Amino acid sequence: MGITFEQPKLSRNQRNGNAVFRVTLRVPYDEKEIVKKLGARWDREKKTWFVMIGPTRSINPFIKWIASPVLC
């Protein structure tokens, strides 16, 4: 399971040219409170932690929990 980026469906008011991505994280159970305090959320259906990354939130605090970085 590697890193995944999903662009959520945005309303017309949210489509202003700023990209927002959902990044799935691999978080050990004993570190779940740490990512929760950093702003990550739990997806009950997919049973994974994720964070929304965009112009107002950096991926940097979550680097530790990204399984495999994306090289461009």
Protein backbone atom coordinates (compact mmCIF):
# COMPACT_ATOMS: atom_id res chain seq x y z
CA MET A 1 0.00 0.00 0.00
CA GLY A 2 1.61 3.20 -1.13
CA ILE A 3 0.63 6.81 -1.03
CA THR A 4 -2.58 7.68 -2.81
CA PHE A 5 -3.83 11.05 -3.91
CA GLU A 6 -7.52 11.58 -4.52
CA GLN A 7 -9.05 14.86 -5.53
CA PRO A 8 -12.38 15.17 -3.73
CA LYS A 9 -15.52 16.43 -5.45
CA LEU A 10 -15.74 20.17 -4.93
CA SER A 11 -18.74 22.47 -4.99
CA ARG A 12 -18.79 25.37 -7.42
CA ASN A 13 -17.73 27.73 -4.63
CA GLN A 14 -14.67 25.57 -3.87
CA ARG A 15 -13.43 25.32 -7.48
CA ASN A 16 -11.22 28.38 -7.46
CA GLY A 17 -8.05 26.91 -8.95
CA ASN A 18 -6.56 25.74 -5.64
CA ALA A 19 -5.91 22.00 -5.74
CA VAL A 20 -6.91 19.96 -2.71
CA PHE A 21 -5.87 16.33 -2.40
CA ARG A 22 -6.71 13.51 -0.04
CA VAL A 23 -3.53 11.70 1.01
CA THR A 24 -3.83 8.24 2.55
CA LEU A 25 -1.44 7.54 5.43
CA ARG A 26 -0.08 4.31 6.90
CA VAL A 27 -0.28 4.81 10.65
CA PRO A 28 0.56 2.18 13.30
CA TYR A 29 -2.16 1.86 15.94
CA ASP A 30 0.07 3.22 18.70
CA GLU A 31 0.65 6.46 16.70
CA LYS A 32 -2.98 7.17 15.83
CA GLU A 33 -3.39 9.88 18.47
CA ILE A 34 -0.36 11.74 17.08
CA VAL A 35 -1.76 11.98 13.53
CA LYS A 36 -5.19 12.79 14.92
CA LYS A 37 -3.74 15.80 16.78
CA LEU A 38 -1.96 16.88 13.58
CA GLY A 39 -5.31 16.93 11.76
CA ALA A 40 -5.54 13.54 10.06
CA ARG A 41 -8.93 11.85 9.91
CA TRP A 42 -10.07 8.22 9.95
CA ASP A 43 -12.04 6.83 7.00
CA ARG A 44 -14.36 4.18 8.42
CA GLU A 45 -15.20 2.66 5.04
CA LYS A 46 -11.61 2.31 3.81
CA LYS A 47 -10.21 1.78 7.32
CA THR A 48 -7.33 4.16 6.68
CA TRP A 49 -6.05 7.45 8.00
CA PHE A 50 -5.99 10.38 5.59
CA VAL A 51 -5.28 14.09 5.45
CA MET A 52 -6.49 16.77 3.06
CA ILE A 53 -3.53 18.62 1.56
CA GLY A 54 -3.86 21.92 -0.24
CA PRO A 55 -2.90 25.57 -0.18
CA THR A 56 -3.54 25.87 3.55
CA ARG A 57 -2.09 22.54 4.75
CA SER A 58 1.35 21.09 4.10
CA ILE A 59 2.20 17.41 3.81
CA ASN A 60 5.41 17.92 5.82
CA PRO A 61 4.05 16.93 9.28
CA PHE A 62 2.80 13.64 7.78
CA ILE A 63 5.92 12.54 5.85
CA LYS A 64 6.67 9.84 8.43
CA TRP A 65 3.40 8.05 7.64
CA ILE A 66 3.56 8.16 3.84
CA ALA A 67 4.38 4.63 2.73
CA SER A 68 6.23 5.45 -0.48
CA PRO A 69 6.86 8.95 -1.80
CA VAL A 70 5.82 9.93 -5.28
CA LEU A 71 8.67 10.94 -7.57
CA CYS A 72 7.84 13.37 -10.34
